[in-house]
């Protein structure tokens, strides 16, 4: 169980919390359990789902914090700051939500294509496509904004 949790989350601090949640679900479902598969496979499926839920919750929290940071940074752009990183972060907000999420998970959170696929429950091909178009759109936004100056 611990290895599976760590495999999905890569966070040693989360293992105990997720394992506790898993055992709570497993023990709670034992009375109504009618296995068509082995107990281990059933329990590991719960572990995987709980690990992915934890990842989603972490990503949502990070996105909320990042959104607050970007809102505050938009004031800096209004003051015509020359800091490129701040400008890029603000321009990322002009992307569609689906492209913005994939771009953020890949570049800022360093998730692999497969991890993003698991978190968002979309195919790996869809992740690749969204990442490609997000890069292209961001490049075009930055070129256009740079040309407007």
Protein backbone atom coordinates (compact mmCIF):
# COMPACT_ATOMS: atom_id res chain seq x y z
CA UNK A 1 0.00 0.00 0.00
CA UNK A 2 2.77 2.44 0.97
CA UNK A 3 4.68 1.82 -2.27
CA UNK A 4 1.57 2.42 -4.36
CA UNK A 5 0.78 5.66 -2.55
CA UNK A 6 4.34 6.89 -2.95
CA UNK A 7 4.38 5.82 -6.61
CA UNK A 8 1.37 8.01 -7.32
CA UNK A 9 2.12 10.99 -5.07
CA UNK A 10 5.92 11.04 -4.68
CA UNK A 11 5.25 12.63 -1.30
CA UNK A 12 6.42 10.79 1.80
CA UNK A 13 4.51 13.17 4.06
CA UNK A 14 1.19 12.22 2.44
CA UNK A 15 1.57 8.45 2.86
CA UNK A 16 0.19 8.16 6.39
CA UNK A 17 -2.82 10.38 5.70
CA UNK A 18 -3.74 8.61 2.49
CA UNK A 19 -3.19 5.16 4.03
CA UNK A 20 -5.47 6.10 6.92
CA UNK A 21 -8.16 7.23 4.46
CA UNK A 22 -7.76 3.98 2.52
CA UNK A 23 -8.11 1.79 5.59
CA UNK A 24 -11.16 3.78 6.68
CA UNK A 25 -12.83 3.02 3.33
CA UNK A 26 -11.67 -0.61 3.27
CA UNK A 27 -12.92 -1.35 6.78
CA UNK A 28 -16.17 0.50 6.13
CA UNK A 29 -16.88 -1.52 2.97
CA UNK A 30 -15.96 -4.96 4.36
CA UNK A 31 -19.53 -5.76 5.47
CA UNK A 32 -20.95 -5.21 1.98
CA UNK A 33 -17.96 -6.70 0.14
CA UNK A 34 -18.70 -9.31 -2.52
CA UNK A 35 -15.42 -9.83 -4.32
CA UNK A 36 -15.31 -10.63 -8.00
CA UNK A 37 -11.56 -9.95 -7.87
CA UNK A 38 -8.92 -10.59 -5.24
CA UNK A 39 -8.94 -8.57 -2.02
CA UNK A 40 -5.49 -7.16 -2.85
CA UNK A 41 -6.63 -5.88 -6.26
CA UNK A 42 -9.73 -4.34 -4.69
CA UNK A 43 -7.76 -2.67 -1.91
CA UNK A 44 -5.10 -1.39 -4.33
CA UNK A 45 -7.82 0.13 -6.51
CA UNK A 46 -8.98 2.09 -3.46
CA UNK A 47 -5.38 3.13 -2.76
CA UNK A 48 -4.94 4.35 -6.34
CA UNK A 49 -8.19 6.32 -6.27
CA UNK A 50 -7.38 7.90 -2.89
CA UNK A 51 -3.87 8.80 -4.12
CA UNK A 52 -5.26 10.43 -7.25
CA UNK A 53 -7.85 12.28 -5.17
CA UNK A 54 -5.03 13.59 -2.99
CA UNK A 55 -3.12 14.75 -6.08
CA UNK A 56 -6.21 16.53 -7.41
CA UNK A 57 -6.75 18.28 -4.09
CA UNK A 58 -3.12 19.39 -4.00
CA UNK A 59 -3.37 20.69 -7.56
CA UNK A 60 -6.56 22.60 -6.82
CA UNK A 61 -4.96 24.21 -3.77
CA UNK A 62 -1.90 25.18 -5.81
CA UNK A 63 -4.06 26.58 -8.59
CA UNK A 64 -6.00 28.70 -6.10
CA UNK A 65 -2.78 30.07 -4.61
CA UNK A 66 -1.35 30.70 -8.06
CA UNK A 67 -4.54 32.45 -9.11
CA UNK A 68 -4.30 34.77 -6.11
CA UNK A 69 -0.66 35.47 -6.89
CA UNK A 70 -1.46 36.22 -10.54
CA UNK A 71 -4.28 38.55 -9.55
CA UNK A 72 -1.84 40.50 -7.42
CA UNK A 73 0.76 40.48 -10.19
CA UNK A 74 -1.71 41.95 -12.68
CA UNK A 75 -1.34 45.21 -10.73
CA UNK A 76 2.36 45.11 -11.55
CA UNK A 77 1.64 44.89 -15.28
CA UNK A 78 -0.63 47.92 -14.96
CA UNK A 79 2.45 49.76 -13.67
CA UNK A 80 4.32 48.65 -16.84
CA UNK A 81 6.80 46.39 -15.12
CA UNK A 82 9.54 44.93 -17.28
CA UNK A 83 9.88 41.71 -15.34
CA UNK A 84 9.45 38.97 -17.97
CA UNK A 85 8.40 36.21 -15.60
CA UNK A 86 5.52 38.24 -14.22
CA UNK A 87 4.40 39.12 -17.72
CA UNK A 88 4.52 35.47 -18.79
CA UNK A 89 2.47 34.40 -15.78
CA UNK A 90 -0.15 37.00 -16.57
CA UNK A 91 -0.21 36.03 -20.26
CA UNK A 92 -0.77 32.41 -19.25
CA UNK A 93 -4.07 33.56 -17.76
CA UNK A 94 -5.20 34.51 -21.28
CA UNK A 95 -5.10 30.86 -22.35
CA UNK A 96 -8.20 28.69 -22.20
CA UNK A 97 -8.66 26.97 -18.83
CA UNK A 98 -7.87 23.53 -20.29
CA UNK A 99 -4.64 24.76 -21.86
CA UNK A 100 -3.67 26.76 -18.78
CA UNK A 101 -4.13 23.77 -16.46
CA UNK A 102 -2.05 21.42 -18.64
CA UNK A 103 0.68 24.04 -19.09
CA UNK A 104 0.80 24.73 -15.35
CA UNK A 105 0.85 21.05 -14.37
CA UNK A 106 3.61 20.27 -16.87
CA UNK A 107 5.93 23.26 -16.41
CA UNK A 108 5.24 24.58 -12.92
CA UNK A 109 4.30 21.37 -11.11
CA UNK A 110 6.68 19.17 -13.13
CA UNK A 111 4.13 16.41 -13.65
CA UNK A 112 4.70 13.92 -16.44
CA UNK A 113 2.25 13.54 -19.32
CA UNK A 114 0.95 10.32 -17.75
CA UNK A 115 0.50 11.96 -14.34
CA UNK A 116 -1.44 14.83 -15.91
CA UNK A 117 -3.54 12.29 -17.80
CA UNK A 118 -4.32 10.50 -14.52
CA UNK A 119 -5.10 13.69 -12.62
CA UNK A 120 -7.38 15.19 -15.26
CA UNK A 121 -8.86 11.84 -16.36
CA UNK A 122 -8.08 12.47 -20.03
CA UNK A 123 -5.98 10.50 -22.47
CA UNK A 124 -2.24 11.06 -22.74
CA UNK A 125 -2.77 12.09 -26.38
CA UNK A 126 -5.21 14.79 -25.29
CA UNK A 127 -2.64 16.05 -22.77
CA UNK A 128 -0.01 16.24 -25.54
CA UNK A 129 -2.39 18.07 -27.85
CA UNK A 130 -3.44 20.60 -25.21
CA UNK A 131 0.17 21.18 -24.24
CA UNK A 132 1.15 21.78 -27.87
CA UNK A 133 -1.67 24.27 -28.47
CA UNK A 134 -1.05 25.97 -25.12
CA UNK A 135 2.59 26.56 -26.10
CA UNK A 136 1.63 27.85 -29.53
CA UNK A 137 -1.08 30.14 -28.16
CA UNK A 138 1.19 31.49 -25.42
CA UNK A 139 3.92 32.15 -27.97
CA UNK A 140 1.44 34.04 -30.17
CA UNK A 141 0.13 36.04 -27.20
CA UNK A 142 3.65 37.00 -26.16
CA UNK A 143 4.65 37.95 -29.71
CA UNK A 144 1.48 40.01 -30.15
CA UNK A 145 1.91 41.77 -26.79
CA UNK A 146 5.58 42.45 -27.51
CA UNK A 147 4.66 43.89 -30.92
CA UNK A 148 2.02 46.18 -29.38
CA UNK A 149 4.63 47.93 -27.21
